[in-house]
């Protein structure tokens, strides 16, 4: 299973691609899609850059499924609104490219990768590097995106094991321990 992880952000959206074969994880690619108001781009143009960038990543790496981080409310309402628009753009790009999308909170991501829900960025980077046997530390946003791939691979294995014992139906919408999976 090839998984695309997306860590949404308006200025910097991280992406990661990982192949999961059973418990084995293999790094494929990672990077960021960057937009900046300094370049003179207005919000709609910046959202189009994100949309097109994710489309390019999907076309190049052909993932079978995507995982995206669920963002939470920040202190600054304007920043929260902008981040929400960037996240919505990312989700739309994934679905427009035919991918099913699983969503995980930062707490779920950190628990799955580091084992501690309040882990900092440096701990995430180091654990992603170790788990994927990378030669160096990935960037912060790329590390979170790769962590989403790792999280989804773990969840998919667990769900597959459960389904062998007692098949379940996919929900059209629901909350699962604070995260969403459609």
Protein backbone atom coordinates (compact mmCIF):
# COMPACT_ATOMS: atom_id res chain seq x y z
CA UNK A 1 0.00 0.00 0.00
CA UNK A 2 1.43 3.40 -0.96
CA UNK A 3 0.40 6.14 1.46
CA UNK A 4 0.54 9.90 0.93
CA UNK A 5 0.70 11.98 4.11
CA UNK A 6 -0.22 15.67 4.09
CA UNK A 7 0.63 18.16 6.86
CA UNK A 8 -1.47 21.16 5.79
CA UNK A 9 -0.30 24.73 6.09
CA UNK A 10 -0.85 27.88 4.07
CA UNK A 11 2.82 28.90 3.94
CA UNK A 12 4.29 25.40 4.02
CA UNK A 13 2.42 22.15 3.38
CA UNK A 14 4.46 19.04 4.03
CA UNK A 15 4.03 15.83 2.07
CA UNK A 16 5.44 12.35 2.49
CA UNK A 17 5.06 9.12 0.56
CA UNK A 18 5.68 5.73 2.14
CA UNK A 19 5.17 2.16 0.92
CA UNK A 20 3.80 -0.19 3.57
CA UNK A 21 4.23 -3.94 3.11
CA UNK A 22 2.88 -5.60 6.22
CA UNK A 23 4.89 -4.16 9.11
CA UNK A 24 7.72 -3.01 6.80
CA UNK A 25 7.79 0.66 5.84
CA UNK A 26 9.79 2.01 2.89
CA UNK A 27 10.46 5.70 2.29
CA UNK A 28 9.55 6.89 -1.20
CA UNK A 29 9.62 10.71 -1.12
CA UNK A 30 8.95 13.80 0.97
CA UNK A 31 9.05 17.55 0.67
CA UNK A 32 7.06 20.73 0.99
CA UNK A 33 4.79 22.89 -1.10
CA UNK A 34 5.41 26.52 -0.24
CA UNK A 35 3.38 29.66 -0.84
CA UNK A 36 4.16 33.16 0.31
CA UNK A 37 2.26 36.44 0.31
CA UNK A 38 5.67 38.09 -0.22
CA UNK A 39 5.59 36.81 -3.80
CA UNK A 40 2.53 38.99 -4.40
CA UNK A 41 0.16 36.02 -4.45
CA UNK A 42 -3.29 36.60 -2.98
CA UNK A 43 -5.05 33.93 -0.91
CA UNK A 44 -6.94 32.33 -3.85
CA UNK A 45 -3.72 32.09 -5.85
CA UNK A 46 -1.89 30.54 -2.89
CA UNK A 47 -4.66 27.97 -2.46
CA UNK A 48 -4.37 27.11 -6.16
CA UNK A 49 -0.63 26.54 -5.70
CA UNK A 50 -1.44 24.05 -2.91
CA UNK A 51 -4.15 22.35 -4.97
CA UNK A 52 -1.93 22.01 -8.03
CA UNK A 53 1.09 20.96 -5.96
CA UNK A 54 -0.80 18.12 -4.30
CA UNK A 55 -2.15 17.08 -7.69
CA UNK A 56 1.43 16.88 -9.02
CA UNK A 57 2.54 14.77 -6.04
CA UNK A 58 -0.40 12.39 -6.55
CA UNK A 59 0.30 12.05 -10.27
CA UNK A 60 4.01 11.48 -9.76
CA UNK A 61 3.88 8.95 -6.90
CA UNK A 62 0.48 7.29 -7.49
CA UNK A 63 -0.53 6.68 -3.84
CA UNK A 64 -3.44 4.40 -3.05
CA UNK A 65 -4.62 6.28 0.04
CA UNK A 66 -3.95 9.58 1.82
CA UNK A 67 -3.69 10.68 5.44
CA UNK A 68 -4.13 14.30 6.50
CA UNK A 69 -3.66 16.00 9.85
CA UNK A 70 -6.69 17.44 11.61
CA UNK A 71 -5.77 20.93 12.76
CA UNK A 72 -7.06 22.48 15.94
CA UNK A 73 -8.07 26.02 16.84
CA UNK A 74 -5.22 28.46 17.42
CA UNK A 75 -5.30 31.51 19.66
CA UNK A 76 -5.44 33.78 16.62
CA UNK A 77 -8.82 33.37 14.87
CA UNK A 78 -7.49 34.80 11.57
CA UNK A 79 -4.62 32.29 11.49
CA UNK A 80 -7.08 29.48 12.28
CA UNK A 81 -9.32 30.56 9.41
CA UNK A 82 -6.42 30.68 6.95
CA UNK A 83 -5.13 27.29 8.08
CA UNK A 84 -8.63 25.84 7.75
CA UNK A 85 -8.86 27.12 4.18
CA UNK A 86 -5.46 25.59 3.34
CA UNK A 87 -6.52 22.28 4.90
CA UNK A 88 -9.80 22.30 2.97
CA UNK A 89 -7.88 22.93 -0.22
CA UNK A 90 -5.57 19.99 0.54
CA UNK A 91 -8.51 17.67 1.25
CA UNK A 92 -10.25 18.78 -1.93
CA UNK A 93 -7.12 18.13 -3.99
CA UNK A 94 -6.77 14.63 -2.53
CA UNK A 95 -10.41 13.70 -3.15
CA UNK A 96 -10.38 15.32 -6.62
CA UNK A 97 -7.50 12.98 -7.46
CA UNK A 98 -9.53 9.93 -6.44
CA UNK A 99 -7.93 9.19 -3.06
CA UNK A 100 -9.71 8.12 0.08
CA UNK A 101 -8.56 10.23 3.01
CA UNK A 102 -7.98 9.24 6.63
CA UNK A 103 -7.59 12.04 9.15
CA UNK A 104 -5.57 12.03 12.37
CA UNK A 105 -5.02 14.59 15.11
CA UNK A 106 -1.54 15.76 16.09
CA UNK A 107 -1.97 13.83 19.36
CA UNK A 108 -2.74 10.58 17.51
CA UNK A 109 0.20 11.18 15.17
CA UNK A 110 2.67 11.79 17.99
CA UNK A 111 1.45 8.81 20.02
CA UNK A 112 1.78 6.50 17.02
CA UNK A 113 5.26 7.66 16.04
CA UNK A 114 6.96 8.76 19.27
CA UNK A 115 4.75 7.07 21.86
CA UNK A 116 4.08 10.37 23.62
CA UNK A 117 1.28 12.73 22.58
CA UNK A 118 3.13 15.89 23.61
CA UNK A 119 6.34 15.13 21.70
CA UNK A 120 8.11 18.09 20.14
CA UNK A 121 9.10 18.54 16.50
CA UNK A 122 12.70 17.38 17.08
CA UNK A 123 11.49 14.11 18.63
CA UNK A 124 9.13 13.55 15.68
CA UNK A 125 11.93 14.19 13.19
CA UNK A 126 14.28 11.77 14.95
CA UNK A 127 11.72 8.96 15.23
CA UNK A 128 10.65 9.33 11.59
CA UNK A 129 14.31 9.20 10.58
CA UNK A 130 14.81 5.99 12.60
CA UNK A 131 11.58 4.28 11.58
CA UNK A 132 12.16 4.92 7.87
CA UNK A 133 15.95 4.46 8.09
CA UNK A 134 16.65 7.85 6.53
CA UNK A 135 20.24 9.12 6.22
CA UNK A 136 19.34 12.50 7.76
CA UNK A 137 16.56 14.34 9.54
CA UNK A 138 13.60 15.27 7.36
CA UNK A 139 12.29 18.84 7.57
CA UNK A 140 9.67 19.55 10.25
CA UNK A 141 6.68 19.63 7.91
CA UNK A 142 7.88 16.66 5.87
CA UNK A 143 8.50 14.71 9.11
CA UNK A 144 4.91 15.29 10.20
CA UNK A 145 3.65 14.19 6.78
CA UNK A 146 5.80 11.04 6.90
CA UNK A 147 4.56 10.47 10.44
CA UNK A 148 1.00 10.53 9.12
CA UNK A 149 1.98 7.78 6.66
CA UNK A 150 3.42 5.72 9.52
CA UNK A 151 0.30 6.33 11.64
CA UNK A 152 -2.02 5.27 8.82
CA UNK A 153 0.03 2.15 8.10
CA UNK A 154 -0.30 1.13 11.76
CA UNK A 155 -4.02 1.82 11.84
CA UNK A 156 -4.59 -0.01 8.54
CA UNK A 157 -2.82 -3.12 9.88
CA UNK A 158 -4.95 -3.03 13.04
CA UNK A 159 -8.19 -2.55 11.12
CA UNK A 160 -7.26 -5.40 8.75
CA UNK A 161 -6.60 -7.70 11.72
CA UNK A 162 -9.94 -6.76 13.30
CA UNK A 163 -11.76 -7.32 10.02
CA UNK A 164 -10.34 -10.85 9.79
CA UNK A 165 -12.04 -11.70 13.08
CA UNK A 166 -15.22 -9.63 12.77
CA UNK A 167 -15.80 -7.74 9.51
CA UNK A 168 -16.90 -4.14 9.98
CA UNK A 169 -18.63 -1.74 7.67
CA UNK A 170 -17.01 1.56 6.74
CA UNK A 171 -18.84 4.53 8.19
CA UNK A 172 -19.82 7.42 6.01
CA UNK A 173 -18.96 9.77 8.87
CA UNK A 174 -18.05 9.32 12.49
CA UNK A 175 -15.57 10.22 15.16
CA UNK A 176 -13.04 7.58 16.19
CA UNK A 177 -11.17 8.63 19.30
CA UNK A 178 -11.10 12.24 18.18
CA UNK A 179 -10.03 11.46 14.62
CA UNK A 180 -12.04 10.95 11.48
CA UNK A 181 -11.83 8.29 8.84
CA UNK A 182 -14.12 8.42 5.81
